[in-house]
Amino acid sequence: MAPKDDEARPAWQHYALLALWVLAFPFILVWYSIEKFLLPCLGEYVGSALSLCCFQLSSTLCKCCGELRFTDKEFPPVGASVGGDFAADPEVEWFRVSEIVTSTGKGG
């Protein structure tokens, strides 16, 4: 009967592998945490920033891109959607966040 791999190694090799694992484990743990948590998070931030820049650029260059924005048919931007005291108020104006930010001069 042939010896198994564990039985064929001398005891010092088992201890050397264990010591190597103990010394390398913190670095492996840090790498896996960066790989699983930090990199996807950074990827989402970069993707969001790029899509925002591309949308701003395309809406500036092409005025028809403004029509691609979503408008909810069940909650249209009219006073009746809000209800209550605002339903009959003709001075209620609806703005998109991008319109508010550009009108105040803050943001991009």
C-alpha atoms as a PDB file:
ATOM      1  CA  MET A   1       0.000   0.000   0.000  1.00  0.00           C
ATOM      2  CA  ALA A   2       1.414   3.403  -1.050  1.00  0.00           C
ATOM      3  CA  PRO A   3       1.728   6.068   1.649  1.00  0.00           C
ATOM      4  CA  LYS A   4      -0.569   9.098   1.467  1.00  0.00           C
ATOM      5  CA  ASP A   5       0.885  12.532   0.871  1.00  0.00           C
ATOM      6  CA  ASP A   6       0.432  13.528   4.520  1.00  0.00           C
ATOM      7  CA  GLU A   7       2.190  10.410   5.741  1.00  0.00           C
ATOM      8  CA  ALA A   8       5.073  10.795   3.274  1.00  0.00           C
ATOM      9  CA  ARG A   9       6.115  14.255   4.520  1.00  0.00           C
ATOM     10  CA  PRO A  10       8.428  14.639   7.455  1.00  0.00           C
ATOM     11  CA  ALA A  11       7.091  16.413  10.536  1.00  0.00           C
ATOM     12  CA  TRP A  12       9.187  19.535   9.964  1.00  0.00           C
ATOM     13  CA  GLN A  13       7.446  20.117   6.619  1.00  0.00           C
ATOM     14  CA  HIS A  14       4.059  20.079   8.340  1.00  0.00           C
ATOM     15  CA  TYR A  15       5.283  22.672  10.819  1.00  0.00           C
ATOM     16  CA  ALA A  16       6.889  24.763   8.062  1.00  0.00           C
ATOM     17  CA  LEU A  17       3.637  24.805   6.077  1.00  0.00           C
ATOM     18  CA  LEU A  18       1.692  25.695   9.208  1.00  0.00           C
ATOM     19  CA  ALA A  19       4.097  28.532  10.033  1.00  0.00           C
ATOM     20  CA  LEU A  20       3.920  29.789   6.451  1.00  0.00           C
ATOM     21  CA  TRP A  21       0.130  29.732   6.577  1.00  0.00           C
ATOM     22  CA  VAL A  22       0.060  31.584   9.910  1.00  0.00           C
ATOM     23  CA  LEU A  23       2.444  34.239   8.608  1.00  0.00           C
ATOM     24  CA  ALA A  24       0.678  34.649   5.254  1.00  0.00           C
ATOM     25  CA  PHE A  25      -2.905  34.521   6.564  1.00  0.00           C
ATOM     26  CA  PRO A  26      -3.200  38.240   7.520  1.00  0.00           C
ATOM     27  CA  PHE A  27      -2.024  39.271   4.054  1.00  0.00           C
ATOM     28  CA  ILE A  28      -4.377  36.811   2.389  1.00  0.00           C
ATOM     29  CA  LEU A  29      -7.253  38.086   4.526  1.00  0.00           C
ATOM     30  CA  VAL A  30      -6.500  41.714   3.630  1.00  0.00           C
ATOM     31  CA  TRP A  31      -6.263  40.866  -0.070  1.00  0.00           C
ATOM     32  CA  TYR A  32      -9.585  38.991  -0.059  1.00  0.00           C
ATOM     33  CA  SER A  33     -11.312  41.825   1.796  1.00  0.00           C
ATOM     34  CA  ILE A  34      -9.977  44.330  -0.752  1.00  0.00           C
ATOM     35  CA  GLU A  35     -11.001  42.065  -3.612  1.00  0.00           C
ATOM     36  CA  LYS A  36     -14.500  41.333  -2.305  1.00  0.00           C
ATOM     37  CA  PHE A  37     -15.484  44.683  -0.765  1.00  0.00           C
ATOM     38  CA  LEU A  38     -13.278  47.614  -1.763  1.00  0.00           C
ATOM     39  CA  LEU A  39     -12.752  46.959  -5.485  1.00  0.00           C
ATOM     40  CA  PRO A  40     -16.463  46.435  -6.301  1.00  0.00           C
ATOM     41  CA  CYS A  41     -17.336  49.561  -4.316  1.00  0.00           C
ATOM     42  CA  LEU A  42     -14.732  51.615  -6.180  1.00  0.00           C
ATOM     43  CA  GLY A  43     -15.949  50.113  -9.438  1.00  0.00           C
ATOM     44  CA  GLU A  44     -19.487  51.295  -8.713  1.00  0.00           C
ATOM     45  CA  TYR A  45     -18.266  54.804  -7.869  1.00  0.00           C
ATOM     46  CA  VAL A  46     -16.219  55.017 -11.057  1.00  0.00           C
ATOM     47  CA  GLY A  47     -19.090  53.612 -13.126  1.00  0.00           C
ATOM     48  CA  SER A  48     -21.555  56.085 -11.637  1.00  0.00           C
ATOM     49  CA  ALA A  49     -19.214  58.999 -12.216  1.00  0.00           C
ATOM     50  CA  LEU A  50     -18.581  57.969 -15.817  1.00  0.00           C
ATOM     51  CA  SER A  51     -22.257  57.473 -16.562  1.00  0.00           C
ATOM     52  CA  LEU A  52     -23.066  60.868 -15.028  1.00  0.00           C
ATOM     53  CA  CYS A  53     -20.355  62.546 -17.106  1.00  0.00           C
ATOM     54  CA  CYS A  54     -21.493  60.783 -20.271  1.00  0.00           C
ATOM     55  CA  PHE A  55     -25.138  61.683 -19.621  1.00  0.00           C
ATOM     56  CA  GLN A  56     -24.283  65.326 -18.944  1.00  0.00           C
ATOM     57  CA  LEU A  57     -22.136  65.472 -22.063  1.00  0.00           C
ATOM     58  CA  SER A  58     -24.760  63.810 -24.261  1.00  0.00           C
ATOM     59  CA  SER A  59     -27.593  65.962 -22.900  1.00  0.00           C
ATOM     60  CA  THR A  60     -25.500  69.089 -23.521  1.00  0.00           C
ATOM     61  CA  LEU A  61     -24.520  68.127 -27.061  1.00  0.00           C
ATOM     62  CA  CYS A  62     -27.800  66.537 -28.066  1.00  0.00           C
ATOM     63  CA  LYS A  63     -30.971  68.241 -26.890  1.00  0.00           C
ATOM     64  CA  CYS A  64     -33.075  65.203 -27.800  1.00  0.00           C
ATOM     65  CA  CYS A  65     -31.396  63.225 -24.985  1.00  0.00           C
ATOM     66  CA  GLY A  66     -33.378  65.245 -22.465  1.00  0.00           C
ATOM     67  CA  GLU A  67     -36.467  63.435 -23.717  1.00  0.00           C
ATOM     68  CA  LEU A  68     -34.965  60.112 -22.668  1.00  0.00           C
ATOM     69  CA  ARG A  69     -35.513  60.952 -19.000  1.00  0.00           C
ATOM     70  CA  PHE A  70     -38.108  58.869 -17.228  1.00  0.00           C
ATOM     71  CA  THR A  71     -41.465  60.410 -16.336  1.00  0.00           C
ATOM     72  CA  ASP A  72     -43.765  58.297 -14.201  1.00  0.00           C
ATOM     73  CA  LYS A  73     -47.268  58.031 -15.673  1.00  0.00           C
ATOM     74  CA  GLU A  74     -48.814  57.115 -12.316  1.00  0.00           C
ATOM     75  CA  PHE A  75     -47.159  60.083 -10.540  1.00  0.00           C
ATOM     76  CA  PRO A  76     -46.874  62.891 -13.110  1.00  0.00           C
ATOM     77  CA  PRO A  77     -45.221  66.181 -12.157  1.00  0.00           C
ATOM     78  CA  VAL A  78     -48.451  68.108 -11.511  1.00  0.00           C
ATOM     79  CA  GLY A  79     -49.914  69.600  -8.349  1.00  0.00           C
ATOM     80  CA  ALA A  80     -52.647  66.947  -8.157  1.00  0.00           C
ATOM     81  CA  SER A  81     -50.006  64.275  -7.611  1.00  0.00           C
ATOM     82  CA  VAL A  82     -48.970  65.879  -4.339  1.00  0.00           C
ATOM     83  CA  GLY A  83     -52.535  66.216  -3.089  1.00  0.00           C
ATOM     84  CA  GLY A  84     -53.672  68.105  -0.036  1.00  0.00           C
ATOM     85  CA  ASP A  85     -53.300  71.901  -0.044  1.00  0.00           C
ATOM     86  CA  PHE A  86     -50.829  71.821  -2.921  1.00  0.00           C
ATOM     87  CA  ALA A  87     -53.248  70.191  -5.379  1.00  0.00           C
ATOM     88  CA  ALA A  88     -54.951  73.441  -6.369  1.00  0.00           C
ATOM     89  CA  ASP A  89     -51.917  75.727  -6.008  1.00  0.00           C
ATOM     90  CA  PRO A  90     -50.833  76.864  -9.497  1.00  0.00           C
ATOM     91  CA  GLU A  91     -47.528  78.180  -8.141  1.00  0.00           C
ATOM     92  CA  VAL A  92     -46.232  74.691  -7.366  1.00  0.00           C
ATOM     93  CA  GLU A  93     -43.383  73.991  -9.771  1.00  0.00           C
ATOM     94  CA  TRP A  94     -41.700  70.655 -10.295  1.00  0.00           C
ATOM     95  CA  PHE A  95     -37.957  70.501 -10.859  1.00  0.00           C
ATOM     96  CA  ARG A  96     -35.510  67.729 -11.482  1.00  0.00           C
ATOM     97  CA  VAL A  97     -32.489  67.645  -9.206  1.00  0.00           C
ATOM     98  CA  SER A  98     -30.195  68.481 -12.121  1.00  0.00           C
ATOM     99  CA  GLU A  99     -32.248  71.629 -12.833  1.00  0.00           C
ATOM    100  CA  ILE A 100     -31.996  72.761  -9.209  1.00  0.00           C
ATOM    101  CA  VAL A 101     -28.252  72.147  -9.048  1.00  0.00           C
ATOM    102  CA  THR A 102     -27.514  73.964 -12.317  1.00  0.00           C
ATOM    103  CA  SER A 103     -29.807  76.896 -11.458  1.00  0.00           C
ATOM    104  CA  THR A 104     -28.020  77.503  -8.147  1.00  0.00           C
ATOM    105  CA  GLY A 105     -24.595  77.221  -9.737  1.00  0.00           C
ATOM    106  CA  LYS A 106     -23.520  74.323  -7.531  1.00  0.00           C
ATOM    107  CA  GLY A 107     -22.350  71.023  -8.905  1.00  0.00           C
ATOM    108  CA  GLY A 108     -21.658  69.976 -12.461  1.00  0.00           C
END
